[in-house]
Amino acid sequence: MTEAAGPVHGTPAYDAVVLAGGAARRLGGADKPGVRVGGRALLDRVLAACAGARSTVVVAEPRPTARPVRWTREEPAGSGPLAALDAGLHALNSPLSRAGSVVVLSADLPFLRERTVRLLTETLETNKAPDAPGAPGARRDGVLLVDGDGRDQPLVAAYRKSALHRVLAALRAEHGALTGLPLRLLVRGLEPVRITDPVASFDCDTWDDIAAARSRIREHGHVLDEWISAAKDELGIDLDVDTGVLLDLARDAAHGVARPAAPLTTFLVGYAAARAGGGPEAVSAAAVKAAALANRWAREAESAPEPGLAAPEPGLAAPEPGPAAPEPGAPAPDAGRDAQ
């Protein structure tokens, strides 16, 4: 797929480099970026987290992805993460890639979210750690996550491009090439800010890690958000809606009308929102109208008259009851007397 500039969403401008060309030896050589967690490829989950990037480069062989990116490859292929990072940085030299910072990510982060990427870029922009608000911070050239065991995760990080170019050039001069050099040399040359986040930094190196990730997203507190994200990716839509409003609507339709009305009503709300131009506001407006209809429907059912009795129309008095029927065995009224 070709590249398109991503939205910024109020986040400091940044580009993204995603490293997705590793050998995955601990997975038996499996295609790790294509392994699905929650119905989505690991690579697509990472690309969703950095969707706000002005330009995104993936260092790997091209493949179908949920959103457009640019592709490049280190030379020779498989020569290590620093060589891949260097190739990704050089691929960012384009008119779309004028941001001063770059988010560097691996392609095996199932729980990375856009809010974490925003935290990294904003912390880099303000030059201080988020746990010291208002304190003057010395200029830092990088911000990275630390996992639950206290290990640096330099492939879940934001860096200043100029600093990366400087450190990579120094390493190349010192070692003759970047091939096979460990990532820790990059961190040593940058003195980054560190943010501990054991969830967002969780990466999938083994099949046990994959199984743990798949299990976690099916937990009660995560499954709905995960399903909505997967469905939006599959349908090719990028829309943030108030799921609480739609769930309330589905409940009202199921209880006030009939259970099958719930999915049908939410479908009709989506269709109406699309015809109104789409967007969260259109969805909300359509949902409010449908919920009001479902509530009116339910109130009518609760106030329905007994079978056989017609309810009077609004504004009309109920008819007066006629003469009571005689009790069984009582003599019939004198017709002649009634006629006089």
C-alpha atoms as a PDB file:
ATOM      1  CA  MET A   1       0.000   0.000   0.000  1.00  0.00           C
ATOM      2  CA  THR A   2       1.162   3.543  -0.583  1.00  0.00           C
ATOM      3  CA  GLU A   3       1.690   6.015   2.183  1.00  0.00           C
ATOM      4  CA  ALA A   4      -0.703   8.727   3.288  1.00  0.00           C
ATOM      5  CA  ALA A   5      -0.136  11.375   5.920  1.00  0.00           C
ATOM      6  CA  GLY A   6      -1.862  10.450   9.171  1.00  0.00           C
ATOM      7  CA  PRO A   7      -3.968  12.673  11.401  1.00  0.00           C
ATOM      8  CA  VAL A   8      -2.328  14.568  14.219  1.00  0.00           C
ATOM      9  CA  HIS A   9      -5.219  14.676  16.775  1.00  0.00           C
ATOM     10  CA  GLY A  10      -3.571  17.475  18.779  1.00  0.00           C
ATOM     11  CA  THR A  11      -0.449  15.377  19.472  1.00  0.00           C
ATOM     12  CA  PRO A  12       2.999  16.888  18.794  1.00  0.00           C
ATOM     13  CA  ALA A  13       3.968  16.164  15.198  1.00  0.00           C
ATOM     14  CA  TYR A  14       5.891  12.921  14.807  1.00  0.00           C
ATOM     15  CA  ASP A  15       6.805  10.231  12.300  1.00  0.00           C
ATOM     16  CA  ALA A  16       6.887   6.505  13.023  1.00  0.00           C
ATOM     17  CA  VAL A  17       9.271   3.665  12.231  1.00  0.00           C
ATOM     18  CA  VAL A  18       8.021   0.128  12.900  1.00  0.00           C
ATOM     19  CA  LEU A  19      10.526  -2.729  12.877  1.00  0.00           C
ATOM     20  CA  ALA A  20       8.805  -5.861  11.585  1.00  0.00           C
ATOM     21  CA  GLY A  21      11.524  -7.887   9.874  1.00  0.00           C
ATOM     22  CA  GLY A  22      12.932 -10.031  12.668  1.00  0.00           C
ATOM     23  CA  ALA A  23      13.497 -13.768  12.342  1.00  0.00           C
ATOM     24  CA  ALA A  24      11.094 -14.709  15.213  1.00  0.00           C
ATOM     25  CA  ARG A  25      13.321 -17.637  16.200  1.00  0.00           C
ATOM     26  CA  ARG A  26      11.502 -18.145  19.524  1.00  0.00           C
ATOM     27  CA  LEU A  27       8.292 -18.592  17.517  1.00  0.00           C
ATOM     28  CA  GLY A  28       9.911 -21.195  15.335  1.00  0.00           C
ATOM     29  CA  GLY A  29      10.367 -18.758  12.466  1.00  0.00           C
ATOM     30  CA  ALA A  30       6.645 -17.951  12.256  1.00  0.00           C
ATOM     31  CA  ASP A  31       5.445 -14.763  10.575  1.00  0.00           C
ATOM     32  CA  LYS A  32       5.190 -12.869  13.862  1.00  0.00           C
ATOM     33  CA  PRO A  33       3.839  -9.544  12.496  1.00  0.00           C
ATOM     34  CA  GLY A  34       1.007 -11.509  10.882  1.00  0.00           C
ATOM     35  CA  VAL A  35       0.069 -13.513  13.989  1.00  0.00           C
ATOM     36  CA  ARG A  36      -3.436 -12.512  15.027  1.00  0.00           C
ATOM     37  CA  VAL A  37      -4.406 -11.425  18.519  1.00  0.00           C
ATOM     38  CA  GLY A  38      -8.035 -10.479  18.969  1.00  0.00           C
ATOM     39  CA  GLY A  39      -8.686 -11.074  15.280  1.00  0.00           C
ATOM     40  CA  ARG A  40      -6.069  -8.521  14.160  1.00  0.00           C
ATOM     41  CA  ALA A  41      -2.499  -8.996  13.010  1.00  0.00           C
ATOM     42  CA  LEU A  42       0.074  -7.793  15.534  1.00  0.00           C
ATOM     43  CA  LEU A  43       1.453  -5.371  12.960  1.00  0.00           C
ATOM     44  CA  ASP A  44      -1.986  -3.835  12.365  1.00  0.00           C
ATOM     45  CA  ARG A  45      -2.471  -3.365  16.093  1.00  0.00           C
ATOM     46  CA  VAL A  46       0.802  -1.417  16.298  1.00  0.00           C
ATOM     47  CA  LEU A  47      -0.050   0.634  13.202  1.00  0.00           C
ATOM     48  CA  ALA A  48      -3.361   1.597  14.808  1.00  0.00           C
ATOM     49  CA  ALA A  49      -1.502   2.892  17.865  1.00  0.00           C
ATOM     50  CA  CYS A  50       0.677   5.208  15.752  1.00  0.00           C
ATOM     51  CA  ALA A  51      -2.072   6.277  13.354  1.00  0.00           C
ATOM     52  CA  GLY A  52      -1.416   9.915  14.272  1.00  0.00           C
ATOM     53  CA  ALA A  53       2.017   9.863  12.640  1.00  0.00           C
ATOM     54  CA  ARG A  54       2.590  12.205   9.721  1.00  0.00           C
ATOM     55  CA  SER A  55       4.487   9.448   7.950  1.00  0.00           C
ATOM     56  CA  THR A  56       4.928   5.780   8.839  1.00  0.00           C
ATOM     57  CA  VAL A  57       7.680   3.488   7.582  1.00  0.00           C
ATOM     58  CA  VAL A  58       7.647  -0.259   8.208  1.00  0.00           C
ATOM     59  CA  VAL A  59      11.004  -2.008   7.913  1.00  0.00           C
ATOM     60  CA  ALA A  60      10.061  -5.387   6.466  1.00  0.00           C
ATOM     61  CA  GLU A  61       8.964  -7.053   3.261  1.00  0.00           C
ATOM     62  CA  PRO A  62       5.699  -5.422   2.048  1.00  0.00           C
ATOM     63  CA  ARG A  63       2.407  -7.048   2.977  1.00  0.00           C
ATOM     64  CA  PRO A  64      -1.262  -5.987   3.130  1.00  0.00           C
ATOM     65  CA  THR A  65      -1.957  -3.738   6.130  1.00  0.00           C
ATOM     66  CA  ALA A  66      -5.018  -2.084   7.613  1.00  0.00           C
ATOM     67  CA  ARG A  67      -3.709   1.397   6.821  1.00  0.00           C
ATOM     68  CA  PRO A  68      -1.276   2.816   4.244  1.00  0.00           C
ATOM     69  CA  VAL A  69       2.430   2.837   5.092  1.00  0.00           C
ATOM     70  CA  ARG A  70       5.776   3.047   3.335  1.00  0.00           C
ATOM     71  CA  TRP A  71       8.095   0.050   3.163  1.00  0.00           C
ATOM     72  CA  THR A  72      11.845  -0.330   3.294  1.00  0.00           C
ATOM     73  CA  ARG A  73      14.406  -2.969   4.257  1.00  0.00           C
ATOM     74  CA  GLU A  74      17.819  -2.929   5.906  1.00  0.00           C
ATOM     75  CA  GLU A  75      20.777  -4.074   3.839  1.00  0.00           C
ATOM     76  CA  PRO A  76      21.480  -6.858   4.150  1.00  0.00           C
ATOM     77  CA  ALA A  77      18.106  -8.126   5.368  1.00  0.00           C
ATOM     78  CA  GLY A  78      18.277  -9.510   8.893  1.00  0.00           C
ATOM     79  CA  SER A  79      21.299  -7.454   9.916  1.00  0.00           C
ATOM     80  CA  GLY A  80      19.798  -6.406  13.236  1.00  0.00           C
ATOM     81  CA  PRO A  81      17.574  -3.785  14.851  1.00  0.00           C
ATOM     82  CA  LEU A  82      20.003  -0.855  14.636  1.00  0.00           C
ATOM     83  CA  ALA A  83      20.552  -1.433  10.923  1.00  0.00           C
ATOM     84  CA  ALA A  84      16.758  -1.668  10.480  1.00  0.00           C
ATOM     85  CA  LEU A  85      16.241   1.545  12.430  1.00  0.00           C
ATOM     86  CA  ASP A  86      18.835   3.301  10.303  1.00  0.00           C
ATOM     87  CA  ALA A  87      17.059   2.155   7.132  1.00  0.00           C
ATOM     88  CA  GLY A  88      13.718   3.356   8.485  1.00  0.00           C
ATOM     89  CA  LEU A  89      15.101   6.798   9.330  1.00  0.00           C
ATOM     90  CA  HIS A  90      16.553   7.223   5.859  1.00  0.00           C
ATOM     91  CA  ALA A  91      13.211   6.214   4.311  1.00  0.00           C
ATOM     92  CA  LEU A  92      11.582   9.086   6.183  1.00  0.00           C
ATOM     93  CA  ASN A  93      13.416  11.657   4.073  1.00  0.00           C
ATOM     94  CA  SER A  94      10.397  13.005   2.197  1.00  0.00           C
ATOM     95  CA  PRO A  95       8.224  16.155   2.187  1.00  0.00           C
ATOM     96  CA  LEU A  96       5.712  14.290   4.392  1.00  0.00           C
ATOM     97  CA  SER A  97       8.359  13.595   7.029  1.00  0.00           C
ATOM     98  CA  ARG A  98       9.317  16.969   8.443  1.00  0.00           C
ATOM     99  CA  ALA A  99       8.506  16.171  12.067  1.00  0.00           C
ATOM    100  CA  GLY A 100      11.421  16.560  14.463  1.00  0.00           C
ATOM    101  CA  SER A 101      10.624  13.438  16.453  1.00  0.00           C
ATOM    102  CA  VAL A 102      10.048   9.811  15.562  1.00  0.00           C
ATOM    103  CA  VAL A 103       8.245   7.028  17.398  1.00  0.00           C
ATOM    104  CA  VAL A 104      10.135   3.738  17.113  1.00  0.00           C
ATOM    105  CA  LEU A 105       8.120   0.567  17.674  1.00  0.00           C
ATOM    106  CA  SER A 106       8.444  -3.169  17.296  1.00  0.00           C
ATOM    107  CA  ALA A 107       5.650  -5.003  15.512  1.00  0.00           C
ATOM    108  CA  ASP A 108       4.748  -7.341  18.386  1.00  0.00           C
ATOM    109  CA  LEU A 109       3.028  -5.048  20.907  1.00  0.00           C
ATOM    110  CA  PRO A 110      -0.570  -6.271  21.312  1.00  0.00           C
ATOM    111  CA  PHE A 111      -1.563  -3.785  24.030  1.00  0.00           C
ATOM    112  CA  LEU A 112       0.006  -0.597  22.711  1.00  0.00           C
ATOM    113  CA  ARG A 113      -2.576   2.174  22.365  1.00  0.00           C
ATOM    114  CA  GLU A 114      -2.607   5.602  20.794  1.00  0.00           C
ATOM    115  CA  ARG A 115      -2.769   7.232  24.231  1.00  0.00           C
ATOM    116  CA  THR A 116       0.605   5.667  25.101  1.00  0.00           C
ATOM    117  CA  VAL A 117       2.155   6.962  21.885  1.00  0.00           C
ATOM    118  CA  ARG A 118       0.717  10.376  22.739  1.00  0.00           C
ATOM    119  CA  LEU A 119       2.282  10.187  26.207  1.00  0.00           C
ATOM    120  CA  LEU A 120       5.683   9.384  24.700  1.00  0.00           C
ATOM    121  CA  THR A 121       5.594  12.256  22.203  1.00  0.00           C
ATOM    122  CA  GLU A 122       4.215  14.792  24.665  1.00  0.00           C
ATOM    123  CA  THR A 123       6.818  13.850  27.270  1.00  0.00           C
ATOM    124  CA  LEU A 124       9.566  14.243  24.683  1.00  0.00           C
ATOM    125  CA  GLU A 125       8.119  17.612  23.684  1.00  0.00           C
ATOM    126  CA  THR A 126       8.089  18.921  27.258  1.00  0.00           C
ATOM    127  CA  ASN A 127      11.519  17.459  28.128  1.00  0.00           C
ATOM    128  CA  LYS A 128      10.417  16.085  31.465  1.00  0.00           C
ATOM    129  CA  ALA A 129       8.988  12.965  32.982  1.00  0.00           C
ATOM    130  CA  PRO A 130       5.182  12.870  33.456  1.00  0.00           C
ATOM    131  CA  ASP A 131       5.461  12.188  37.197  1.00  0.00           C
ATOM    132  CA  ALA A 132       7.066  15.604  37.803  1.00  0.00           C
ATOM    133  CA  PRO A 133       4.527  18.108  36.451  1.00  0.00           C
ATOM    134  CA  GLY A 134       5.681  21.695  36.478  1.00  0.00           C
ATOM    135  CA  ALA A 135       9.296  20.826  37.243  1.00  0.00           C
ATOM    136  CA  PRO A 136      11.879  22.158  34.827  1.00  0.00           C
ATOM    137  CA  GLY A 137      13.388  19.296  32.887  1.00  0.00           C
ATOM    138  CA  ALA A 138      16.762  19.039  31.220  1.00  0.00           C
ATOM    139  CA  ARG A 139      16.537  18.484  27.492  1.00  0.00           C
ATOM    140  CA  ARG A 140      16.149  14.784  26.767  1.00  0.00           C
ATOM    141  CA  ASP A 141      16.558  13.171  23.377  1.00  0.00           C
ATOM    142  CA  GLY A 142      14.353  10.150  24.019  1.00  0.00           C
ATOM    143  CA  VAL A 143      11.474   8.728  26.054  1.00  0.00           C
ATOM    144  CA  LEU A 144      11.022   4.970  26.364  1.00  0.00           C
ATOM    145  CA  LEU A 145       8.869   2.485  28.233  1.00  0.00           C
ATOM    146  CA  VAL A 146      10.167   0.154  30.923  1.00  0.00           C
ATOM    147  CA  ASP A 147       8.534  -3.265  31.387  1.00  0.00           C
ATOM    148  CA  GLY A 148       7.334  -4.844  34.613  1.00  0.00           C
ATOM    149  CA  ASP A 149      10.778  -6.324  35.295  1.00  0.00           C
ATOM    150  CA  GLY A 150      12.507  -2.950  35.004  1.00  0.00           C
ATOM    151  CA  ARG A 151      13.996  -3.588  31.549  1.00  0.00           C
ATOM    152  CA  ASP A 152      14.286  -0.766  29.028  1.00  0.00           C
ATOM    153  CA  GLN A 153      12.170  -1.202  25.904  1.00  0.00           C
ATOM    154  CA  PRO A 154      13.903   0.973  23.281  1.00  0.00           C
ATOM    155  CA  LEU A 155      11.447  -0.218  20.624  1.00  0.00           C
ATOM    156  CA  VAL A 156       8.527   1.383  22.449  1.00  0.00           C
ATOM    157  CA  ALA A 157       9.904   4.888  22.447  1.00  0.00           C
ATOM    158  CA  ALA A 158       9.973   8.393  20.992  1.00  0.00           C
ATOM    159  CA  TYR A 159      13.246  10.047  19.984  1.00  0.00           C
ATOM    160  CA  ARG A 160      14.491  13.241  18.427  1.00  0.00           C
ATOM    161  CA  LYS A 161      15.523  12.408  14.884  1.00  0.00           C
ATOM    162  CA  SER A 162      18.685  14.466  15.104  1.00  0.00           C
ATOM    163  CA  ALA A 163      19.787  12.526  18.195  1.00  0.00           C
ATOM    164  CA  LEU A 164      19.175   9.151  16.529  1.00  0.00           C
ATOM    165  CA  HIS A 165      21.176  10.147  13.468  1.00  0.00           C
ATOM    166  CA  ARG A 166      23.999  11.350  15.734  1.00  0.00           C
ATOM    167  CA  VAL A 167      24.153   8.174  17.820  1.00  0.00           C
ATOM    168  CA  LEU A 168      23.859   5.828  14.835  1.00  0.00           C
ATOM    169  CA  ALA A 169      26.612   7.686  13.005  1.00  0.00           C
ATOM    170  CA  ALA A 170      28.855   7.442  16.080  1.00  0.00           C
ATOM    171  CA  LEU A 171      28.203   3.700  16.403  1.00  0.00           C
ATOM    172  CA  ARG A 172      28.931   3.156  12.730  1.00  0.00           C
ATOM    173  CA  ALA A 173      32.188   5.060  13.060  1.00  0.00           C
ATOM    174  CA  GLU A 174      33.159   3.072  16.162  1.00  0.00           C
ATOM    175  CA  HIS A 175      32.206  -0.403  14.921  1.00  0.00           C
ATOM    176  CA  GLY A 176      32.510  -0.008  11.173  1.00  0.00           C
ATOM    177  CA  ALA A 177      28.866  -1.007  10.625  1.00  0.00           C
ATOM    178  CA  LEU A 178      25.581  -1.332  12.488  1.00  0.00           C
ATOM    179  CA  THR A 179      25.132  -5.011  11.636  1.00  0.00           C
ATOM    180  CA  GLY A 180      24.488  -7.166  14.687  1.00  0.00           C
ATOM    181  CA  LEU A 181      24.879  -4.367  17.264  1.00  0.00           C
ATOM    182  CA  PRO A 182      22.587  -4.597  20.326  1.00  0.00           C
ATOM    183  CA  LEU A 183      19.865  -2.055  21.029  1.00  0.00           C
ATOM    184  CA  ARG A 184      21.326  -1.177  24.428  1.00  0.00           C
ATOM    185  CA  LEU A 185      24.036   0.823  22.647  1.00  0.00           C
ATOM    186  CA  LEU A 186      21.342   3.143  21.338  1.00  0.00           C
ATOM    187  CA  VAL A 187      19.964   3.781  24.822  1.00  0.00           C
ATOM    188  CA  ARG A 188      23.433   4.325  26.267  1.00  0.00           C
ATOM    189  CA  GLY A 189      24.019   7.189  23.866  1.00  0.00           C
ATOM    190  CA  LEU A 190      20.743   9.016  24.552  1.00  0.00           C
ATOM    191  CA  GLU A 191      20.021   9.080  28.330  1.00  0.00           C
ATOM    192  CA  PRO A 192      16.234   8.878  27.788  1.00  0.00           C
ATOM    193  CA  VAL A 193      13.327   9.554  30.119  1.00  0.00           C
ATOM    194  CA  ARG A 194      11.885   6.247  31.357  1.00  0.00           C
ATOM    195  CA  ILE A 195       8.187   5.499  31.911  1.00  0.00           C
ATOM    196  CA  THR A 196       7.156   2.205  33.505  1.00  0.00           C
ATOM    197  CA  ASP A 197       4.198   0.547  31.764  1.00  0.00           C
ATOM    198  CA  PRO A 198       4.149  -3.264  31.949  1.00  0.00           C
ATOM    199  CA  VAL A 199       1.015  -3.548  29.785  1.00  0.00           C
ATOM    200  CA  ALA A 200       1.833  -1.301  26.833  1.00  0.00           C
ATOM    201  CA  SER A 201       5.406  -2.629  26.763  1.00  0.00           C
ATOM    202  CA  PHE A 202       4.319  -6.292  26.722  1.00  0.00           C
ATOM    203  CA  ASP A 203       5.746  -7.908  23.586  1.00  0.00           C
ATOM    204  CA  CYS A 204       5.131 -11.330  22.083  1.00  0.00           C
ATOM    205  CA  ASP A 205       8.362 -13.293  21.774  1.00  0.00           C
ATOM    206  CA  THR A 206       7.000 -16.799  22.406  1.00  0.00           C
ATOM    207  CA  TRP A 207       3.811 -18.733  21.802  1.00  0.00           C
ATOM    208  CA  ASP A 208       3.141 -18.507  25.531  1.00  0.00           C
ATOM    209  CA  ASP A 209       3.192 -14.722  25.155  1.00  0.00           C
ATOM    210  CA  ILE A 210       0.722 -14.990  22.266  1.00  0.00           C
ATOM    211  CA  ALA A 211      -1.561 -17.206  24.357  1.00  0.00           C
ATOM    212  CA  ALA A 212      -1.389 -14.780  27.292  1.00  0.00           C
ATOM    213  CA  ALA A 213      -2.265 -11.825  25.042  1.00  0.00           C
ATOM    214  CA  ARG A 214      -5.197 -13.670  23.482  1.00  0.00           C
ATOM    215  CA  SER A 215      -6.486 -14.602  26.912  1.00  0.00           C
ATOM    216  CA  ARG A 216      -6.197 -11.081  28.298  1.00  0.00           C
ATOM    217  CA  ILE A 217      -8.228  -9.400  25.576  1.00  0.00           C
ATOM    218  CA  ARG A 218     -11.106 -11.789  26.258  1.00  0.00           C
ATOM    219  CA  GLU A 219     -11.314 -10.745  29.888  1.00  0.00           C
ATOM    220  CA  HIS A 220     -14.504  -8.931  30.815  1.00  0.00           C
ATOM    221  CA  GLY A 221     -12.878  -5.516  31.151  1.00  0.00           C
ATOM    222  CA  HIS A 222     -11.232  -5.625  27.714  1.00  0.00           C
ATOM    223  CA  VAL A 223     -13.278  -7.725  25.321  1.00  0.00           C
ATOM    224  CA  LEU A 224     -15.760  -5.080  24.159  1.00  0.00           C
ATOM    225  CA  ASP A 225     -13.144  -2.457  23.313  1.00  0.00           C
ATOM    226  CA  GLU A 226     -11.030  -5.098  21.596  1.00  0.00           C
ATOM    227  CA  TRP A 227     -13.959  -6.322  19.535  1.00  0.00           C
ATOM    228  CA  ILE A 228     -14.939  -2.807  18.435  1.00  0.00           C
ATOM    229  CA  SER A 229     -11.367  -2.022  17.426  1.00  0.00           C
ATOM    230  CA  ALA A 230     -11.129  -5.256  15.436  1.00  0.00           C
ATOM    231  CA  ALA A 231     -14.467  -4.613  13.731  1.00  0.00           C
ATOM    232  CA  LYS A 232     -13.480  -1.060  12.769  1.00  0.00           C
ATOM    233  CA  ASP A 233     -10.233  -2.323  11.274  1.00  0.00           C
ATOM    234  CA  GLU A 234     -12.015  -5.067   9.364  1.00  0.00           C
ATOM    235  CA  LEU A 235     -14.637  -2.652   8.009  1.00  0.00           C
ATOM    236  CA  GLY A 236     -12.103   0.034   7.191  1.00  0.00           C
ATOM    237  CA  ILE A 237     -13.665   2.756   9.331  1.00  0.00           C
ATOM    238  CA  ASP A 238     -12.057   5.216  11.710  1.00  0.00           C
ATOM    239  CA  LEU A 239     -14.804   6.489  13.983  1.00  0.00           C
ATOM    240  CA  ASP A 240     -14.873   7.137  17.711  1.00  0.00           C
ATOM    241  CA  VAL A 241     -18.386   6.759  19.092  1.00  0.00           C
ATOM    242  CA  ASP A 242     -19.935   6.626  22.548  1.00  0.00           C
ATOM    243  CA  THR A 243     -20.419   2.893  22.953  1.00  0.00           C
ATOM    244  CA  GLY A 244     -22.404   3.487  26.138  1.00  0.00           C
ATOM    245  CA  VAL A 245     -25.083   5.328  24.145  1.00  0.00           C
ATOM    246  CA  LEU A 246     -25.355   2.479  21.635  1.00  0.00           C
ATOM    247  CA  LEU A 247     -25.468  -0.166  24.362  1.00  0.00           C
ATOM    248  CA  ASP A 248     -28.218   1.737  26.169  1.00  0.00           C
ATOM    249  CA  LEU A 249     -30.126   1.963  22.894  1.00  0.00           C
ATOM    250  CA  ALA A 250     -29.771  -1.773  22.294  1.00  0.00           C
ATOM    251  CA  ARG A 251     -31.018  -2.466  25.823  1.00  0.00           C
ATOM    252  CA  ASP A 252     -34.032  -0.160  25.407  1.00  0.00           C
ATOM    253  CA  ALA A 253     -34.940  -1.734  22.078  1.00  0.00           C
ATOM    254  CA  ALA A 254     -34.589  -5.273  23.461  1.00  0.00           C
ATOM    255  CA  HIS A 255     -36.647  -4.573  26.592  1.00  0.00           C
ATOM    256  CA  GLY A 256     -39.200  -2.153  25.180  1.00  0.00           C
ATOM    257  CA  VAL A 257     -39.820  -3.765  21.797  1.00  0.00           C
ATOM    258  CA  ALA A 258     -38.365  -7.269  21.364  1.00  0.00           C
ATOM    259  CA  ARG A 259     -34.938  -8.840  21.705  1.00  0.00           C
ATOM    260  CA  PRO A 260     -34.280  -9.013  17.945  1.00  0.00           C
ATOM    261  CA  ALA A 261     -34.966  -5.268  17.750  1.00  0.00           C
ATOM    262  CA  ALA A 262     -31.617  -4.517  19.436  1.00  0.00           C
ATOM    263  CA  PRO A 263     -29.229  -5.405  16.573  1.00  0.00           C
ATOM    264  CA  LEU A 264     -31.672  -4.178  13.928  1.00  0.00           C
ATOM    265  CA  THR A 265     -32.063  -0.814  15.639  1.00  0.00           C
ATOM    266  CA  THR A 266     -28.332  -0.238  16.019  1.00  0.00           C
ATOM    267  CA  PHE A 267     -27.875  -1.125  12.345  1.00  0.00           C
ATOM    268  CA  LEU A 268     -30.521   1.424  11.366  1.00  0.00           C
ATOM    269  CA  VAL A 269     -28.860   4.048  13.562  1.00  0.00           C
ATOM    270  CA  GLY A 270     -25.568   3.437  11.765  1.00  0.00           C
ATOM    271  CA  TYR A 271     -27.249   3.696   8.389  1.00  0.00           C
ATOM    272  CA  ALA A 272     -29.033   6.911   9.355  1.00  0.00           C
ATOM    273  CA  ALA A 273     -25.768   8.386  10.674  1.00  0.00           C
ATOM    274  CA  ALA A 274     -24.017   7.543   7.409  1.00  0.00           C
ATOM    275  CA  ARG A 275     -26.745   9.268   5.385  1.00  0.00           C
ATOM    276  CA  ALA A 276     -26.399  12.304   7.653  1.00  0.00           C
ATOM    277  CA  GLY A 277     -22.718  12.628   6.814  1.00  0.00           C
ATOM    278  CA  GLY A 278     -21.204  10.269   9.378  1.00  0.00           C
ATOM    279  CA  GLY A 279     -19.144  11.198  12.399  1.00  0.00           C
ATOM    280  CA  PRO A 280     -19.718  10.776  16.151  1.00  0.00           C
ATOM    281  CA  GLU A 281     -22.268  13.610  16.237  1.00  0.00           C
ATOM    282  CA  ALA A 282     -24.426  11.961  13.574  1.00  0.00           C
ATOM    283  CA  VAL A 283     -24.318   8.627  15.405  1.00  0.00           C
ATOM    284  CA  SER A 284     -25.250  10.279  18.689  1.00  0.00           C
ATOM    285  CA  ALA A 285     -28.155  12.205  17.160  1.00  0.00           C
ATOM    286  CA  ALA A 286     -29.571   9.097  15.468  1.00  0.00           C
ATOM    287  CA  ALA A 287     -29.173   7.067  18.667  1.00  0.00           C
ATOM    288  CA  VAL A 288     -31.052   9.686  20.713  1.00  0.00           C
ATOM    289  CA  LYS A 289     -33.981   9.604  18.267  1.00  0.00           C
ATOM    290  CA  ALA A 290     -34.131   5.818  18.237  1.00  0.00           C
ATOM    291  CA  ALA A 291     -33.898   5.606  22.039  1.00  0.00           C
ATOM    292  CA  ALA A 292     -36.774   8.060  22.409  1.00  0.00           C
ATOM    293  CA  LEU A 293     -38.854   5.951  20.021  1.00  0.00           C
ATOM    294  CA  ALA A 294     -38.077   2.761  21.960  1.00  0.00           C
ATOM    295  CA  ASN A 295     -39.064   4.434  25.233  1.00  0.00           C
ATOM    296  CA  ARG A 296     -42.352   5.679  23.758  1.00  0.00           C
ATOM    297  CA  TRP A 297     -43.016   2.183  22.460  1.00  0.00           C
ATOM    298  CA  ALA A 298     -42.400   0.711  25.906  1.00  0.00           C
ATOM    299  CA  ARG A 299     -44.671   3.259  27.659  1.00  0.00           C
ATOM    300  CA  GLU A 300     -47.534   2.423  25.291  1.00  0.00           C
ATOM    301  CA  ALA A 301     -47.175  -1.246  26.119  1.00  0.00           C
ATOM    302  CA  GLU A 302     -47.202  -0.516  29.858  1.00  0.00           C
ATOM    303  CA  SER A 303     -50.379   1.606  29.619  1.00  0.00           C
ATOM    304  CA  ALA A 304     -52.286  -0.575  27.121  1.00  0.00           C
ATOM    305  CA  PRO A 305     -56.013  -1.154  27.959  1.00  0.00           C
ATOM    306  CA  GLU A 306     -57.371  -4.524  28.939  1.00  0.00           C
ATOM    307  CA  PRO A 307     -58.276  -6.804  26.012  1.00  0.00           C
ATOM    308  CA  GLY A 308     -61.701  -5.951  24.580  1.00  0.00           C
ATOM    309  CA  LEU A 309     -61.720  -2.367  25.855  1.00  0.00           C
ATOM    310  CA  ALA A 310     -60.850   0.429  23.467  1.00  0.00           C
ATOM    311  CA  ALA A 311     -58.893   3.279  24.990  1.00  0.00           C
ATOM    312  CA  PRO A 312     -60.477   6.715  24.380  1.00  0.00           C
ATOM    313  CA  GLU A 313     -58.703   9.025  21.986  1.00  0.00           C
ATOM    314  CA  PRO A 314     -56.914  11.947  23.647  1.00  0.00           C
ATOM    315  CA  GLY A 315     -59.391  14.791  24.359  1.00  0.00           C
ATOM    316  CA  LEU A 316     -62.526  12.618  24.142  1.00  0.00           C
ATOM    317  CA  ALA A 317     -64.558  11.609  27.192  1.00  0.00           C
ATOM    318  CA  ALA A 318     -65.183   7.959  27.729  1.00  0.00           C
ATOM    319  CA  PRO A 319     -68.798   6.875  26.871  1.00  0.00           C
ATOM    320  CA  GLU A 320     -71.223   6.483  29.790  1.00  0.00           C
ATOM    321  CA  PRO A 321     -72.042   2.895  30.591  1.00  0.00           C
ATOM    322  CA  GLY A 322     -75.475   1.616  29.425  1.00  0.00           C
ATOM    323  CA  PRO A 323     -78.124  -0.040  31.684  1.00  0.00           C
ATOM    324  CA  ALA A 324     -76.900  -3.027  33.563  1.00  0.00           C
ATOM    325  CA  ALA A 325     -78.003  -6.434  32.320  1.00  0.00           C
ATOM    326  CA  PRO A 326     -80.671  -8.142  34.522  1.00  0.00           C
ATOM    327  CA  GLU A 327     -79.515 -10.762  36.914  1.00  0.00           C
ATOM    328  CA  PRO A 328     -80.268 -14.350  35.897  1.00  0.00           C
ATOM    329  CA  GLY A 329     -83.909 -15.295  36.771  1.00  0.00           C
ATOM    330  CA  ALA A 330     -85.139 -11.717  37.183  1.00  0.00           C
ATOM    331  CA  PRO A 331     -88.301 -10.739  35.200  1.00  0.00           C
ATOM    332  CA  ALA A 332     -87.714  -8.768  32.034  1.00  0.00           C
ATOM    333  CA  PRO A 333     -88.660  -5.076  32.119  1.00  0.00           C
ATOM    334  CA  ASP A 334     -92.302  -4.222  31.123  1.00  0.00           C
ATOM    335  CA  ALA A 335     -91.948  -3.191  27.473  1.00  0.00           C
ATOM    336  CA  GLY A 336     -95.348  -1.505  27.466  1.00  0.00           C
ATOM    337  CA  ARG A 337     -94.548   0.590  30.522  1.00  0.00           C
ATOM    338  CA  ASP A 338     -91.280   1.668  28.935  1.00  0.00           C
ATOM    339  CA  ALA A 339     -93.140   2.729  25.829  1.00  0.00           C
ATOM    340  CA  GLN A 340     -95.522   5.067  27.783  1.00  0.00           C
END
